[in-house]
């Protein structure tokens, strides 16, 4: 693994947020001033392809990157854009029972207004 890729992965894994590529870049240049934004994007693609991280896309928002590949629900505040994780145990099994076939993968996002924005 290259030094750049290792740095990007560490930034994502140590973050408590779902960062955008630009936010990851801003953190990366603090430690590696010569890193290019294109390098960040290219490494994000490769890390997602390798299953190290998950790219998450929400309608109307910039793509973000998640350190967890374990299925979970994303709660998205429609006012401030905050994204948080919520466990989703049992949803896959319940939906498979309702549908009558196996689900390979799922993504679930719930839009709401967080307590800070109410």
C-alpha atoms as a PDB file:
ATOM      1  CA  UNK A   1       0.000   0.000   0.000  1.00  0.00           C
ATOM      2  CA  UNK A   2       1.371   3.419  -0.931  1.00  0.00           C
ATOM      3  CA  UNK A   3       2.038   6.066   1.713  1.00  0.00           C
ATOM      4  CA  UNK A   4      -0.733   8.218   0.234  1.00  0.00           C
ATOM      5  CA  UNK A   5      -3.290   5.397   0.310  1.00  0.00           C
ATOM      6  CA  UNK A   6      -2.342   4.454   3.870  1.00  0.00           C
ATOM      7  CA  UNK A   7      -2.743   8.087   4.973  1.00  0.00           C
ATOM      8  CA  UNK A   8      -6.164   8.409   3.323  1.00  0.00           C
ATOM      9  CA  UNK A   9      -7.348   5.151   4.869  1.00  0.00           C
ATOM     10  CA  UNK A  10      -6.112   6.225   8.311  1.00  0.00           C
ATOM     11  CA  UNK A  11      -7.907   9.591   8.023  1.00  0.00           C
ATOM     12  CA  UNK A  12     -11.176   7.831   7.186  1.00  0.00           C
ATOM     13  CA  UNK A  13     -10.815   5.205   9.902  1.00  0.00           C
ATOM     14  CA  UNK A  14      -9.946   7.751  12.606  1.00  0.00           C
ATOM     15  CA  UNK A  15     -12.773  10.118  11.718  1.00  0.00           C
ATOM     16  CA  UNK A  16     -16.055  10.078  13.584  1.00  0.00           C
ATOM     17  CA  UNK A  17     -17.757  11.584  10.526  1.00  0.00           C
ATOM     18  CA  UNK A  18     -18.525  10.536   6.966  1.00  0.00           C
ATOM     19  CA  UNK A  19     -15.989  12.676   5.138  1.00  0.00           C
ATOM     20  CA  UNK A  20     -16.117  14.044   1.595  1.00  0.00           C
ATOM     21  CA  UNK A  21     -13.097  13.724  -0.704  1.00  0.00           C
ATOM     22  CA  UNK A  22     -12.341  17.411  -0.161  1.00  0.00           C
ATOM     23  CA  UNK A  23     -12.439  17.016   3.629  1.00  0.00           C
ATOM     24  CA  UNK A  24     -10.102  14.030   3.356  1.00  0.00           C
ATOM     25  CA  UNK A  25      -7.792  16.083   1.129  1.00  0.00           C
ATOM     26  CA  UNK A  26      -7.761  18.967   3.632  1.00  0.00           C
ATOM     27  CA  UNK A  27      -6.699  16.543   6.375  1.00  0.00           C
ATOM     28  CA  UNK A  28      -4.151  14.798   4.156  1.00  0.00           C
ATOM     29  CA  UNK A  29      -2.280  17.966   3.147  1.00  0.00           C
ATOM     30  CA  UNK A  30      -1.625  18.682   6.834  1.00  0.00           C
ATOM     31  CA  UNK A  31       0.594  15.592   6.952  1.00  0.00           C
ATOM     32  CA  UNK A  32       1.601  15.315   3.309  1.00  0.00           C
ATOM     33  CA  UNK A  33       1.628  18.834   1.768  1.00  0.00           C
ATOM     34  CA  UNK A  34       2.540  17.558  -1.701  1.00  0.00           C
ATOM     35  CA  UNK A  35      -0.465  15.260  -2.080  1.00  0.00           C
ATOM     36  CA  UNK A  36      -2.770  16.168  -4.980  1.00  0.00           C
ATOM     37  CA  UNK A  37      -6.559  16.162  -4.873  1.00  0.00           C
ATOM     38  CA  UNK A  38      -6.533  13.774  -7.867  1.00  0.00           C
ATOM     39  CA  UNK A  39      -4.396  11.370  -5.814  1.00  0.00           C
ATOM     40  CA  UNK A  40      -7.010  11.443  -3.063  1.00  0.00           C
ATOM     41  CA  UNK A  41      -9.819  10.706  -5.527  1.00  0.00           C
ATOM     42  CA  UNK A  42      -7.876   7.910  -7.232  1.00  0.00           C
ATOM     43  CA  UNK A  43      -7.040   6.278  -3.920  1.00  0.00           C
ATOM     44  CA  UNK A  44     -10.621   6.570  -2.683  1.00  0.00           C
ATOM     45  CA  UNK A  45     -11.758   4.687  -5.782  1.00  0.00           C
ATOM     46  CA  UNK A  46      -9.205   1.944  -5.193  1.00  0.00           C
ATOM     47  CA  UNK A  47      -9.944   1.666  -1.472  1.00  0.00           C
ATOM     48  CA  UNK A  48     -13.676   1.337  -2.212  1.00  0.00           C
ATOM     49  CA  UNK A  49     -13.022  -1.261  -4.931  1.00  0.00           C
ATOM     50  CA  UNK A  50     -10.882  -3.242  -2.469  1.00  0.00           C
ATOM     51  CA  UNK A  51     -13.685  -3.156   0.125  1.00  0.00           C
ATOM     52  CA  UNK A  52     -11.588  -1.173   2.619  1.00  0.00           C
ATOM     53  CA  UNK A  53     -14.132   1.673   2.699  1.00  0.00           C
ATOM     54  CA  UNK A  54     -17.587   2.337   1.289  1.00  0.00           C
ATOM     55  CA  UNK A  55     -18.522   5.211  -0.969  1.00  0.00           C
ATOM     56  CA  UNK A  56     -21.928   6.548  -0.019  1.00  0.00           C
ATOM     57  CA  UNK A  57     -24.006   8.670  -2.342  1.00  0.00           C
ATOM     58  CA  UNK A  58     -27.010  10.663  -1.176  1.00  0.00           C
ATOM     59  CA  UNK A  59     -29.282  12.497  -3.571  1.00  0.00           C
ATOM     60  CA  UNK A  60     -28.397  16.178  -3.685  1.00  0.00           C
ATOM     61  CA  UNK A  61     -25.252  15.837  -1.560  1.00  0.00           C
ATOM     62  CA  UNK A  62     -21.554  15.344  -2.186  1.00  0.00           C
ATOM     63  CA  UNK A  63     -20.359  11.735  -2.022  1.00  0.00           C
ATOM     64  CA  UNK A  64     -18.964  10.707   1.329  1.00  0.00           C
ATOM     65  CA  UNK A  65     -16.806   7.843   2.516  1.00  0.00           C
ATOM     66  CA  UNK A  66     -17.647   5.405   5.286  1.00  0.00           C
ATOM     67  CA  UNK A  67     -15.136   3.337   7.218  1.00  0.00           C
ATOM     68  CA  UNK A  68     -17.712   0.637   7.911  1.00  0.00           C
ATOM     69  CA  UNK A  69     -18.667  -1.993   5.351  1.00  0.00           C
ATOM     70  CA  UNK A  70     -21.054  -3.601   7.828  1.00  0.00           C
ATOM     71  CA  UNK A  71     -24.627  -2.883   6.694  1.00  0.00           C
ATOM     72  CA  UNK A  72     -26.235  -0.090   8.692  1.00  0.00           C
ATOM     73  CA  UNK A  73     -28.693   2.768   8.308  1.00  0.00           C
ATOM     74  CA  UNK A  74     -27.534   6.292   7.527  1.00  0.00           C
ATOM     75  CA  UNK A  75     -29.511   9.037   9.237  1.00  0.00           C
ATOM     76  CA  UNK A  76     -29.222  12.272   7.243  1.00  0.00           C
ATOM     77  CA  UNK A  77     -30.258  15.662   8.548  1.00  0.00           C
ATOM     78  CA  UNK A  78     -31.839  17.524   5.643  1.00  0.00           C
ATOM     79  CA  UNK A  79     -31.019  20.878   7.204  1.00  0.00           C
ATOM     80  CA  UNK A  80     -27.329  20.673   8.272  1.00  0.00           C
ATOM     81  CA  UNK A  81     -26.253  17.605   6.263  1.00  0.00           C
ATOM     82  CA  UNK A  82     -25.005  15.647   9.274  1.00  0.00           C
ATOM     83  CA  UNK A  83     -24.792  11.907   8.588  1.00  0.00           C
ATOM     84  CA  UNK A  84     -24.808   9.388  11.421  1.00  0.00           C
ATOM     85  CA  UNK A  85     -24.949   5.612  11.610  1.00  0.00           C
ATOM     86  CA  UNK A  86     -27.654   3.487  13.158  1.00  0.00           C
ATOM     87  CA  UNK A  87     -27.613  -0.332  13.502  1.00  0.00           C
ATOM     88  CA  UNK A  88     -29.870  -2.285  11.174  1.00  0.00           C
ATOM     89  CA  UNK A  89     -29.940  -5.787  12.620  1.00  0.00           C
ATOM     90  CA  UNK A  90     -32.783  -7.899  11.305  1.00  0.00           C
ATOM     91  CA  UNK A  91     -33.777  -5.684   8.372  1.00  0.00           C
ATOM     92  CA  UNK A  92     -32.166  -7.925   5.748  1.00  0.00           C
ATOM     93  CA  UNK A  93     -33.807 -11.058   7.124  1.00  0.00           C
ATOM     94  CA  UNK A  94     -37.191  -9.359   7.440  1.00  0.00           C
ATOM     95  CA  UNK A  95     -37.071  -8.080   3.864  1.00  0.00           C
ATOM     96  CA  UNK A  96     -35.912 -11.456   2.526  1.00  0.00           C
ATOM     97  CA  UNK A  97     -38.906 -13.044   4.250  1.00  0.00           C
ATOM     98  CA  UNK A  98     -41.285 -10.500   2.748  1.00  0.00           C
ATOM     99  CA  UNK A  99     -39.781 -10.670  -0.733  1.00  0.00           C
ATOM    100  CA  UNK A 100     -39.116 -14.402  -0.887  1.00  0.00           C
ATOM    101  CA  UNK A 101     -35.563 -14.112  -2.208  1.00  0.00           C
ATOM    102  CA  UNK A 102     -32.071 -13.411  -0.922  1.00  0.00           C
ATOM    103  CA  UNK A 103     -30.754  -9.872  -0.677  1.00  0.00           C
ATOM    104  CA  UNK A 104     -27.074  -9.559  -1.515  1.00  0.00           C
ATOM    105  CA  UNK A 105     -26.556  -5.997  -0.338  1.00  0.00           C
ATOM    106  CA  UNK A 106     -28.626  -3.012   0.714  1.00  0.00           C
ATOM    107  CA  UNK A 107     -28.303   0.672   1.483  1.00  0.00           C
ATOM    108  CA  UNK A 108     -30.800   2.496   3.635  1.00  0.00           C
ATOM    109  CA  UNK A 109     -30.873   6.232   4.278  1.00  0.00           C
ATOM    110  CA  UNK A 110     -33.402   7.954   6.494  1.00  0.00           C
ATOM    111  CA  UNK A 111     -33.864  11.702   6.105  1.00  0.00           C
ATOM    112  CA  UNK A 112     -34.875  13.700   9.140  1.00  0.00           C
ATOM    113  CA  UNK A 113     -34.127  16.909  11.027  1.00  0.00           C
ATOM    114  CA  UNK A 114     -31.575  16.364  13.792  1.00  0.00           C
ATOM    115  CA  UNK A 115     -32.188  17.685  17.322  1.00  0.00           C
ATOM    116  CA  UNK A 116     -29.664  20.511  16.809  1.00  0.00           C
ATOM    117  CA  UNK A 117     -31.653  21.786  13.825  1.00  0.00           C
ATOM    118  CA  UNK A 118     -35.148  21.520  15.325  1.00  0.00           C
END
